[in-house]
């Protein structure tokens, strides 16, 4: 599912909303989550999961083409931890999945 599919699903489920309204709602939600993470806050959606920022400390790396040591600076990366309900739904779906021929 991508952003367009999500917008279509919201517009379908909530008949009074137009596709344009659903697009605006999705945009506001994602922008708000992005800004909260950028400020260093954690975003938690009950039964779905939580988004947080993980710190990656500076380290020494190697240039793959020359083998020369390179200093890699500290980074902050978004991290998602699924909630219990999401994990159970995914595991239940995986248990009930039909194997497809290769």
PDB file of N, CA and C in Angstrom:
ATOM      1  N   UNK A   1       0.858  -1.172   0.000  1.00  0.00           N
ATOM      2  CA  UNK A   1       0.000   0.000   0.000  1.00  0.00           C
ATOM      3  C   UNK A   1       0.901   1.230   0.000  1.00  0.00           C
ATOM      4  N   UNK A   2       0.563   2.176  -0.843  1.00  0.00           N
ATOM      5  CA  UNK A   2       1.308   3.429  -0.861  1.00  0.00           C
ATOM      6  C   UNK A   2       0.376   4.576  -0.437  1.00  0.00           C
ATOM      7  N   UNK A   3       0.876   5.777  -0.494  1.00  0.00           N
ATOM      8  CA  UNK A   3       0.124   6.937  -0.029  1.00  0.00           C
ATOM      9  C   UNK A   3      -1.204   7.093  -0.783  1.00  0.00           C
ATOM     10  N   UNK A   4      -1.178   6.913  -2.088  1.00  0.00           N
ATOM     11  CA  UNK A   4      -2.405   7.045  -2.891  1.00  0.00           C
ATOM     12  C   UNK A   4      -3.443   6.005  -2.497  1.00  0.00           C
ATOM     13  N   UNK A   5      -3.002   4.781  -2.246  1.00  0.00           N
ATOM     14  CA  UNK A   5      -3.926   3.729  -1.816  1.00  0.00           C
ATOM     15  C   UNK A   5      -4.553   4.082  -0.472  1.00  0.00           C
ATOM     16  N   UNK A   6      -3.760   4.635   0.427  1.00  0.00           N
ATOM     17  CA  UNK A   6      -4.264   5.037   1.738  1.00  0.00           C
ATOM     18  C   UNK A   6      -5.307   6.146   1.587  1.00  0.00           C
ATOM     19  N   UNK A   7      -5.030   7.109   0.752  1.00  0.00           N
ATOM     20  CA  UNK A   7      -5.968   8.211   0.510  1.00  0.00           C
ATOM     21  C   UNK A   7      -7.272   7.673  -0.075  1.00  0.00           C
ATOM     22  N   UNK A   8      -7.167   6.779  -1.045  1.00  0.00           N
ATOM     23  CA  UNK A   8      -8.360   6.188  -1.654  1.00  0.00           C
ATOM     24  C   UNK A   8      -9.180   5.410  -0.626  1.00  0.00           C
ATOM     25  N   UNK A   9      -8.515   4.659   0.256  1.00  0.00           N
ATOM     26  CA  UNK A   9      -9.211   3.867   1.268  1.00  0.00           C
ATOM     27  C   UNK A   9      -9.953   4.773   2.249  1.00  0.00           C
ATOM     28  N   UNK A  10      -9.343   5.875   2.642  1.00  0.00           N
ATOM     29  CA  UNK A  10      -9.993   6.808   3.564  1.00  0.00           C
ATOM     30  C   UNK A  10     -11.191   7.465   2.894  1.00  0.00           C
ATOM     31  N   UNK A  11     -11.010   7.898   1.649  1.00  0.00           N
ATOM     32  CA  UNK A  11     -12.107   8.545   0.924  1.00  0.00           C
ATOM     33  C   UNK A  11     -13.273   7.574   0.711  1.00  0.00           C
ATOM     34  N   UNK A  12     -12.983   6.304   0.479  1.00  0.00           N
ATOM     35  CA  UNK A  12     -14.021   5.287   0.294  1.00  0.00           C
ATOM     36  C   UNK A  12     -14.774   5.018   1.586  1.00  0.00           C
ATOM     37  N   UNK A  13     -14.022   4.890   2.662  1.00  0.00           N
ATOM     38  CA  UNK A  13     -14.631   4.503   3.943  1.00  0.00           C
ATOM     39  C   UNK A  13     -15.475   5.616   4.543  1.00  0.00           C
ATOM     40  N   UNK A  14     -15.053   6.863   4.356  1.00  0.00           N
ATOM     41  CA  UNK A  14     -15.773   8.009   4.908  1.00  0.00           C
ATOM     42  C   UNK A  14     -16.380   8.793   3.752  1.00  0.00           C
ATOM     43  N   UNK A  15     -17.586   8.402   3.379  1.00  0.00           N
ATOM     44  CA  UNK A  15     -18.261   8.935   2.187  1.00  0.00           C
ATOM     45  C   UNK A  15     -18.343  10.463   2.131  1.00  0.00           C
ATOM     46  N   UNK A  16     -18.582  11.167   3.242  1.00  0.00           N
ATOM     47  CA  UNK A  16     -18.652  12.629   3.120  1.00  0.00           C
ATOM     48  C   UNK A  16     -17.320  13.276   2.696  1.00  0.00           C
ATOM     49  N   UNK A  17     -16.213  12.564   2.902  1.00  0.00           N
ATOM     50  CA  UNK A  17     -14.914  13.130   2.530  1.00  0.00           C
ATOM     51  C   UNK A  17     -14.638  12.924   1.041  1.00  0.00           C
ATOM     52  N   UNK A  18     -14.145  13.953   0.419  1.00  0.00           N
ATOM     53  CA  UNK A  18     -13.703  13.811  -0.969  1.00  0.00           C
ATOM     54  C   UNK A  18     -12.275  13.281  -0.949  1.00  0.00           C
ATOM     55  N   UNK A  19     -11.789  12.898  -2.106  1.00  0.00           N
ATOM     56  CA  UNK A  19     -10.406  12.423  -2.203  1.00  0.00           C
ATOM     57  C   UNK A  19      -9.450  13.550  -1.802  1.00  0.00           C
ATOM     58  N   UNK A  20      -9.807  14.770  -2.157  1.00  0.00           N
ATOM     59  CA  UNK A  20      -8.982  15.932  -1.807  1.00  0.00           C
ATOM     60  C   UNK A  20      -8.915  16.106  -0.290  1.00  0.00           C
ATOM     61  N   UNK A  21     -10.054  15.927   0.400  1.00  0.00           N
ATOM     62  CA  UNK A  21     -10.076  16.034   1.869  1.00  0.00           C
ATOM     63  C   UNK A  21      -9.245  14.930   2.508  1.00  0.00           C
ATOM     64  N   UNK A  22      -9.373  13.709   1.982  1.00  0.00           N
ATOM     65  CA  UNK A  22      -8.599  12.584   2.507  1.00  0.00           C
ATOM     66  C   UNK A  22      -7.108  12.820   2.299  1.00  0.00           C
ATOM     67  N   UNK A  23      -6.735  13.372   1.152  1.00  0.00           N
ATOM     68  CA  UNK A  23      -5.330  13.696   0.869  1.00  0.00           C
ATOM     69  C   UNK A  23      -4.814  14.716   1.878  1.00  0.00           C
ATOM     70  N   UNK A  24      -5.623  15.738   2.152  1.00  0.00           N
ATOM     71  CA  UNK A  24      -5.217  16.765   3.124  1.00  0.00           C
ATOM     72  C   UNK A  24      -5.051  16.150   4.514  1.00  0.00           C
ATOM     73  N   UNK A  25      -5.942  15.241   4.897  1.00  0.00           N
ATOM     74  CA  UNK A  25      -5.856  14.603   6.210  1.00  0.00           C
ATOM     75  C   UNK A  25      -4.587  13.770   6.331  1.00  0.00           C
ATOM     76  N   UNK A  26      -4.296  12.971   5.320  1.00  0.00           N
ATOM     77  CA  UNK A  26      -3.083  12.142   5.337  1.00  0.00           C
ATOM     78  C   UNK A  26      -1.844  13.032   5.377  1.00  0.00           C
ATOM     79  N   UNK A  27      -1.852  14.086   4.592  1.00  0.00           N
ATOM     80  CA  UNK A  27      -0.711  15.010   4.557  1.00  0.00           C
ATOM     81  C   UNK A  27      -0.475  15.644   5.926  1.00  0.00           C
ATOM     82  N   UNK A  28      -1.540  16.084   6.593  1.00  0.00           N
ATOM     83  CA  UNK A  28      -1.411  16.715   7.917  1.00  0.00           C
ATOM     84  C   UNK A  28      -0.866  15.714   8.930  1.00  0.00           C
ATOM     85  N   UNK A  29      -1.388  14.499   8.916  1.00  0.00           N
ATOM     86  CA  UNK A  29      -0.926  13.480   9.864  1.00  0.00           C
ATOM     87  C   UNK A  29       0.555  13.194   9.669  1.00  0.00           C
ATOM     88  N   UNK A  30       0.962  12.947   8.428  1.00  0.00           N
ATOM     89  CA  UNK A  30       2.364  12.618   8.162  1.00  0.00           C
ATOM     90  C   UNK A  30       3.293  13.801   8.433  1.00  0.00           C
ATOM     91  N   UNK A  31       2.863  15.008   8.079  1.00  0.00           N
ATOM     92  CA  UNK A  31       3.685  16.194   8.348  1.00  0.00           C
ATOM     93  C   UNK A  31       3.850  16.425   9.850  1.00  0.00           C
ATOM     94  N   UNK A  32       2.773  16.231  10.604  1.00  0.00           N
ATOM     95  CA  UNK A  32       2.835  16.415  12.057  1.00  0.00           C
ATOM     96  C   UNK A  32       3.780  15.396  12.688  1.00  0.00           C
ATOM     97  N   UNK A  33       3.695  14.152  12.237  1.00  0.00           N
ATOM     98  CA  UNK A  33       4.595  13.118  12.749  1.00  0.00           C
ATOM     99  C   UNK A  33       6.046  13.442  12.391  1.00  0.00           C
ATOM    100  N   UNK A  34       6.274  13.885  11.171  1.00  0.00           N
ATOM    101  CA  UNK A  34       7.628  14.225  10.723  1.00  0.00           C
ATOM    102  C   UNK A  34       8.218  15.356  11.547  1.00  0.00           C
ATOM    103  N   UNK A  35       7.425  16.398  11.782  1.00  0.00           N
ATOM    104  CA  UNK A  35       7.922  17.544  12.558  1.00  0.00           C
ATOM    105  C   UNK A  35       8.197  17.150  14.012  1.00  0.00           C
ATOM    106  N   UNK A  36       7.360  16.303  14.578  1.00  0.00           N
ATOM    107  CA  UNK A  36       7.581  15.857  15.961  1.00  0.00           C
ATOM    108  C   UNK A  36       8.887  15.063  16.053  1.00  0.00           C
ATOM    109  N   UNK A  37       9.123  14.157  15.107  1.00  0.00           N
ATOM    110  CA  UNK A  37      10.366  13.379  15.111  1.00  0.00           C
ATOM    111  C   UNK A  37      11.574  14.279  14.892  1.00  0.00           C
ATOM    112  N   UNK A  38      11.443  15.270  14.013  1.00  0.00           N
ATOM    113  CA  UNK A  38      12.551  16.189  13.742  1.00  0.00           C
ATOM    114  C   UNK A  38      12.918  16.993  14.987  1.00  0.00           C
ATOM    115  N   UNK A  39      11.931  17.246  15.859  1.00  0.00           N
ATOM    116  CA  UNK A  39      12.203  17.966  17.114  1.00  0.00           C
ATOM    117  C   UNK A  39      12.705  17.027  18.203  1.00  0.00           C
ATOM    118  N   UNK A  40      12.782  15.732  17.895  1.00  0.00           N
ATOM    119  CA  UNK A  40      13.304  14.774  18.865  1.00  0.00           C
ATOM    120  C   UNK A  40      12.249  14.117  19.717  1.00  0.00           C
ATOM    121  N   UNK A  41      10.977  14.350  19.427  1.00  0.00           N
ATOM    122  CA  UNK A  41       9.909  13.728  20.191  1.00  0.00           C
ATOM    123  C   UNK A  41       9.610  12.328  19.666  1.00  0.00           C
ATOM    124  N   UNK A  42       8.951  11.559  20.473  1.00  0.00           N
ATOM    125  CA  UNK A  42       8.518  10.221  20.091  1.00  0.00           C
ATOM    126  C   UNK A  42       7.052  10.304  19.656  1.00  0.00           C
ATOM    127  N   UNK A  43       6.674   9.535  18.644  1.00  0.00           N
ATOM    128  CA  UNK A  43       5.294   9.501  18.169  1.00  0.00           C
ATOM    129  C   UNK A  43       4.759   8.101  18.430  1.00  0.00           C
ATOM    130  N   UNK A  44       3.683   8.016  19.195  1.00  0.00           N
ATOM    131  CA  UNK A  44       3.106   6.719  19.527  1.00  0.00           C
ATOM    132  C   UNK A  44       1.652   6.673  19.073  1.00  0.00           C
ATOM    133  N   UNK A  45       1.328   5.647  18.306  1.00  0.00           N
ATOM    134  CA  UNK A  45      -0.044   5.406  17.875  1.00  0.00           C
ATOM    135  C   UNK A  45      -0.458   4.089  18.527  1.00  0.00           C
ATOM    136  N   UNK A  46      -1.353   4.150  19.498  1.00  0.00           N
ATOM    137  CA  UNK A  46      -1.744   2.963  20.260  1.00  0.00           C
ATOM    138  C   UNK A  46      -2.201   1.838  19.335  1.00  0.00           C
ATOM    139  N   UNK A  47      -1.812   0.640  19.657  1.00  0.00           N
ATOM    140  CA  UNK A  47      -2.126  -0.587  18.920  1.00  0.00           C
ATOM    141  C   UNK A  47      -1.480  -0.656  17.536  1.00  0.00           C
ATOM    142  N   UNK A  48      -0.758   0.372  17.151  1.00  0.00           N
ATOM    143  CA  UNK A  48      -0.066   0.337  15.857  1.00  0.00           C
ATOM    144  C   UNK A  48       1.436   0.258  16.076  1.00  0.00           C
ATOM    145  N   UNK A  49       1.981   1.236  16.783  1.00  0.00           N
ATOM    146  CA  UNK A  49       3.407   1.222  17.057  1.00  0.00           C
ATOM    147  C   UNK A  49       3.909   2.594  17.442  1.00  0.00           C
ATOM    148  N   UNK A  50       5.227   2.670  17.595  1.00  0.00           N
ATOM    149  CA  UNK A  50       5.803   3.974  17.946  1.00  0.00           C
ATOM    150  C   UNK A  50       7.005   4.259  17.064  1.00  0.00           C
ATOM    151  N   UNK A  51       7.165   5.523  16.790  1.00  0.00           N
ATOM    152  CA  UNK A  51       8.281   6.016  16.010  1.00  0.00           C
ATOM    153  C   UNK A  51       9.164   6.813  16.960  1.00  0.00           C
ATOM    154  N   UNK A  52      10.454   6.599  16.880  1.00  0.00           N
ATOM    155  CA  UNK A  52      11.398   7.330  17.720  1.00  0.00           C
ATOM    156  C   UNK A  52      12.664   7.569  16.909  1.00  0.00           C
ATOM    157  N   UNK A  53      13.514   8.420  17.430  1.00  0.00           N
ATOM    158  CA  UNK A  53      14.790   8.708  16.788  1.00  0.00           C
ATOM    159  C   UNK A  53      15.878   7.952  17.537  1.00  0.00           C
ATOM    160  N   UNK A  54      16.663   7.196  16.815  1.00  0.00           N
ATOM    161  CA  UNK A  54      17.794   6.471  17.398  1.00  0.00           C
ATOM    162  C   UNK A  54      19.078   7.191  17.005  1.00  0.00           C
ATOM    163  N   UNK A  55      19.969   7.315  17.967  1.00  0.00           N
ATOM    164  CA  UNK A  55      21.269   7.950  17.730  1.00  0.00           C
ATOM    165  C   UNK A  55      22.262   6.897  17.269  1.00  0.00           C
ATOM    166  N   UNK A  56      22.932   7.176  16.190  1.00  0.00           N
ATOM    167  CA  UNK A  56      24.015   6.310  15.725  1.00  0.00           C
ATOM    168  C   UNK A  56      25.321   7.049  15.992  1.00  0.00           C
ATOM    169  N   UNK A  57      26.132   6.531  16.896  1.00  0.00           N
ATOM    170  CA  UNK A  57      27.359   7.240  17.280  1.00  0.00           C
ATOM    171  C   UNK A  57      28.363   7.320  16.127  1.00  0.00           C
ATOM    172  N   UNK A  58      29.283   8.271  16.216  1.00  0.00           N
ATOM    173  CA  UNK A  58      30.320   8.353  15.169  1.00  0.00           C
ATOM    174  C   UNK A  58      31.172   7.081  15.192  1.00  0.00           C
ATOM    175  N   UNK A  59      31.685   6.729  14.041  1.00  0.00           N
ATOM    176  CA  UNK A  59      32.475   5.502  13.958  1.00  0.00           C
ATOM    177  C   UNK A  59      33.500   5.626  12.847  1.00  0.00           C
ATOM    178  N   UNK A  60      34.422   4.684  12.838  1.00  0.00           N
ATOM    179  CA  UNK A  60      35.409   4.624  11.768  1.00  0.00           C
ATOM    180  C   UNK A  60      34.895   3.633  10.723  1.00  0.00           C
ATOM    181  N   UNK A  61      34.883   4.055   9.474  1.00  0.00           N
ATOM    182  CA  UNK A  61      34.448   3.190   8.388  1.00  0.00           C
ATOM    183  C   UNK A  61      35.563   3.036   7.376  1.00  0.00           C
ATOM    184  N   UNK A  62      35.274   2.359   6.294  1.00  0.00           N
ATOM    185  CA  UNK A  62      36.260   2.157   5.234  1.00  0.00           C
ATOM    186  C   UNK A  62      35.647   2.508   3.889  1.00  0.00           C
ATOM    187  N   UNK A  63      36.450   3.158   3.062  1.00  0.00           N
ATOM    188  CA  UNK A  63      36.055   3.420   1.684  1.00  0.00           C
ATOM    189  C   UNK A  63      36.164   2.091   0.944  1.00  0.00           C
ATOM    190  N   UNK A  64      35.061   1.574   0.377  1.00  0.00           N
ATOM    191  CA  UNK A  64      35.112   0.246  -0.229  1.00  0.00           C
ATOM    192  C   UNK A  64      36.027   0.147  -1.454  1.00  0.00           C
ATOM    193  N   UNK A  65      36.211   1.245  -2.153  1.00  0.00           N
ATOM    194  CA  UNK A  65      37.050   1.158  -3.354  1.00  0.00           C
ATOM    195  C   UNK A  65      38.543   1.260  -3.047  1.00  0.00           C
ATOM    196  N   UNK A  66      38.900   2.041  -2.018  1.00  0.00           N
ATOM    197  CA  UNK A  66      40.327   2.218  -1.718  1.00  0.00           C
ATOM    198  C   UNK A  66      40.766   1.491  -0.454  1.00  0.00           C
ATOM    199  N   UNK A  67      39.817   1.177   0.419  1.00  0.00           N
ATOM    200  CA  UNK A  67      40.157   0.538   1.679  1.00  0.00           C
ATOM    201  C   UNK A  67      40.656   1.526   2.717  1.00  0.00           C
ATOM    202  N   UNK A  68      40.672   2.806   2.382  1.00  0.00           N
ATOM    203  CA  UNK A  68      41.158   3.853   3.284  1.00  0.00           C
ATOM    204  C   UNK A  68      40.146   4.076   4.417  1.00  0.00           C
ATOM    205  N   UNK A  69      40.650   4.297   5.639  1.00  0.00           N
ATOM    206  CA  UNK A  69      39.799   4.572   6.792  1.00  0.00           C
ATOM    207  C   UNK A  69      39.128   5.934   6.615  1.00  0.00           C
ATOM    208  N   UNK A  70      37.829   5.974   6.951  1.00  0.00           N
ATOM    209  CA  UNK A  70      37.049   7.198   6.819  1.00  0.00           C
ATOM    210  C   UNK A  70      36.275   7.406   8.114  1.00  0.00           C
ATOM    211  N   UNK A  71      36.176   8.650   8.548  1.00  0.00           N
ATOM    212  CA  UNK A  71      35.411   8.967   9.743  1.00  0.00           C
ATOM    213  C   UNK A  71      33.948   9.177   9.347  1.00  0.00           C
ATOM    214  N   UNK A  72      33.048   8.411   9.967  1.00  0.00           N
ATOM    215  CA  UNK A  72      31.618   8.546   9.702  1.00  0.00           C
ATOM    216  C   UNK A  72      31.021   9.311  10.880  1.00  0.00           C
ATOM    217  N   UNK A  73      30.385  10.469  10.614  1.00  0.00           N
ATOM    218  CA  UNK A  73      29.865  11.297  11.704  1.00  0.00           C
ATOM    219  C   UNK A  73      28.628  10.689  12.369  1.00  0.00           C
ATOM    220  N   UNK A  74      28.270  11.239  13.519  1.00  0.00           N
ATOM    221  CA  UNK A  74      27.079  10.823  14.234  1.00  0.00           C
ATOM    222  C   UNK A  74      25.847  11.080  13.361  1.00  0.00           C
ATOM    223  N   UNK A  75      24.864  10.171  13.456  1.00  0.00           N
ATOM    224  CA  UNK A  75      23.623  10.327  12.700  1.00  0.00           C
ATOM    225  C   UNK A  75      22.445  10.031  13.613  1.00  0.00           C
ATOM    226  N   UNK A  76      21.307  10.549  13.230  1.00  0.00           N
ATOM    227  CA  UNK A  76      20.058  10.240  13.906  1.00  0.00           C
ATOM    228  C   UNK A  76      19.144   9.625  12.861  1.00  0.00           C
ATOM    229  N   UNK A  77      18.571   8.462  13.170  1.00  0.00           N
ATOM    230  CA  UNK A  77      17.737   7.757  12.210  1.00  0.00           C
ATOM    231  C   UNK A  77      16.386   7.430  12.836  1.00  0.00           C
ATOM    232  N   UNK A  78      15.311   7.531  12.044  1.00  0.00           N
ATOM    233  CA  UNK A  78      14.009   7.148  12.577  1.00  0.00           C
ATOM    234  C   UNK A  78      13.944   5.644  12.793  1.00  0.00           C
ATOM    235  N   UNK A  79      13.236   5.248  13.839  1.00  0.00           N
ATOM    236  CA  UNK A  79      13.105   3.830  14.185  1.00  0.00           C
ATOM    237  C   UNK A  79      11.645   3.557  14.498  1.00  0.00           C
ATOM    238  N   UNK A  80      11.113   2.445  13.986  1.00  0.00           N
ATOM    239  CA  UNK A  80       9.727   2.064  14.233  1.00  0.00           C
ATOM    240  C   UNK A  80       9.682   0.771  15.028  1.00  0.00           C
ATOM    241  N   UNK A  81       8.888   0.775  16.073  1.00  0.00           N
ATOM    242  CA  UNK A  81       8.673  -0.443  16.861  1.00  0.00           C
ATOM    243  C   UNK A  81       7.179  -0.738  16.821  1.00  0.00           C
ATOM    244  N   UNK A  82       6.793  -1.866  16.198  1.00  0.00           N
ATOM    245  CA  UNK A  82       5.369  -2.172  16.079  1.00  0.00           C
ATOM    246  C   UNK A  82       4.734  -2.473  17.436  1.00  0.00           C
ATOM    247  N   UNK A  83       3.455  -2.143  17.556  1.00  0.00           N
ATOM    248  CA  UNK A  83       2.700  -2.433  18.761  1.00  0.00           C
ATOM    249  C   UNK A  83       2.232  -3.883  18.765  1.00  0.00           C
ATOM    250  N   UNK A  84       1.734  -4.310  19.900  1.00  0.00           N
ATOM    251  CA  UNK A  84       1.321  -5.701  20.065  1.00  0.00           C
ATOM    252  C   UNK A  84       0.215  -6.083  19.080  1.00  0.00           C
ATOM    253  N   UNK A  85      -0.782  -5.234  18.914  1.00  0.00           N
ATOM    254  CA  UNK A  85      -1.899  -5.540  18.012  1.00  0.00           C
ATOM    255  C   UNK A  85      -1.419  -5.687  16.577  1.00  0.00           C
ATOM    256  N   UNK A  86      -0.496  -4.836  16.145  1.00  0.00           N
ATOM    257  CA  UNK A  86       0.041  -4.928  14.788  1.00  0.00           C
ATOM    258  C   UNK A  86       0.846  -6.207  14.611  1.00  0.00           C
ATOM    259  N   UNK A  87       1.692  -6.522  15.585  1.00  0.00           N
ATOM    260  CA  UNK A  87       2.480  -7.759  15.503  1.00  0.00           C
ATOM    261  C   UNK A  87       1.570  -8.979  15.407  1.00  0.00           C
ATOM    262  N   UNK A  88       0.531  -9.011  16.245  1.00  0.00           N
ATOM    263  CA  UNK A  88      -0.386 -10.144  16.229  1.00  0.00           C
ATOM    264  C   UNK A  88      -1.143 -10.232  14.906  1.00  0.00           C
ATOM    265  N   UNK A  89      -1.550  -9.098  14.358  1.00  0.00           N
ATOM    266  CA  UNK A  89      -2.273  -9.094  13.090  1.00  0.00           C
ATOM    267  C   UNK A  89      -1.380  -9.600  11.964  1.00  0.00           C
ATOM    268  N   UNK A  90      -0.128  -9.153  11.954  1.00  0.00           N
ATOM    269  CA  UNK A  90       0.807  -9.584  10.911  1.00  0.00           C
ATOM    270  C   UNK A  90       1.130 -11.061  11.062  1.00  0.00           C
ATOM    271  N   UNK A  91       1.372 -11.512  12.277  1.00  0.00           N
ATOM    272  CA  UNK A  91       1.675 -12.925  12.499  1.00  0.00           C
ATOM    273  C   UNK A  91       0.473 -13.807  12.188  1.00  0.00           C
ATOM    274  N   UNK A  92      -0.724 -13.353  12.514  1.00  0.00           N
ATOM    275  CA  UNK A  92      -1.926 -14.104  12.189  1.00  0.00           C
ATOM    276  C   UNK A  92      -2.134 -14.188  10.690  1.00  0.00           C
ATOM    277  N   UNK A  93      -1.845 -13.098   9.975  1.00  0.00           N
ATOM    278  CA  UNK A  93      -1.973 -13.089   8.519  1.00  0.00           C
ATOM    279  C   UNK A  93      -0.933 -13.999   7.888  1.00  0.00           C
ATOM    280  N   UNK A  94       0.268 -14.029   8.468  1.00  0.00           N
ATOM    281  CA  UNK A  94       1.335 -14.883   7.930  1.00  0.00           C
ATOM    282  C   UNK A  94       0.997 -16.354   8.156  1.00  0.00           C
ATOM    283  N   UNK A  95       0.367 -16.663   9.294  1.00  0.00           N
ATOM    284  CA  UNK A  95      -0.008 -18.056   9.590  1.00  0.00           C
ATOM    285  C   UNK A  95      -1.109 -18.543   8.653  1.00  0.00           C
ATOM    286  N   UNK A  96      -1.990 -17.628   8.237  1.00  0.00           N
ATOM    287  CA  UNK A  96      -3.116 -17.993   7.384  1.00  0.00           C
ATOM    288  C   UNK A  96      -2.821 -17.830   5.899  1.00  0.00           C
ATOM    289  N   UNK A  97      -1.623 -17.370   5.566  1.00  0.00           N
ATOM    290  CA  UNK A  97      -1.279 -17.139   4.160  1.00  0.00           C
ATOM    291  C   UNK A  97      -1.165 -18.458   3.397  1.00  0.00           C
ATOM    292  N   UNK A  98      -1.573 -18.403   2.165  1.00  0.00           N
ATOM    293  CA  UNK A  98      -1.460 -19.579   1.292  1.00  0.00           C
ATOM    294  C   UNK A  98      -0.148 -19.474   0.547  1.00  0.00           C
ATOM    295  N   UNK A  99       0.587 -20.559   0.527  1.00  0.00           N
ATOM    296  CA  UNK A  99       1.886 -20.549  -0.198  1.00  0.00           C
ATOM    297  C   UNK A  99       1.623 -20.423  -1.679  1.00  0.00           C
ATOM    298  N   UNK A 100       2.401 -19.546  -2.306  1.00  0.00           N
ATOM    299  CA  UNK A 100       2.284 -19.336  -3.743  1.00  0.00           C
ATOM    300  C   UNK A 100       3.353 -20.146  -4.457  1.00  0.00           C
ATOM    301  N   UNK A 101       3.009 -20.707  -5.606  1.00  0.00           N
ATOM    302  CA  UNK A 101       4.035 -21.433  -6.358  1.00  0.00           C
ATOM    303  C   UNK A 101       5.105 -20.478  -6.865  1.00  0.00           C
ATOM    304  N   UNK A 102       6.331 -20.957  -6.914  1.00  0.00           N
ATOM    305  CA  UNK A 102       7.454 -20.113  -7.346  1.00  0.00           C
ATOM    306  C   UNK A 102       7.477 -19.895  -8.833  1.00  0.00           C
TER     307      UNK A 102
END
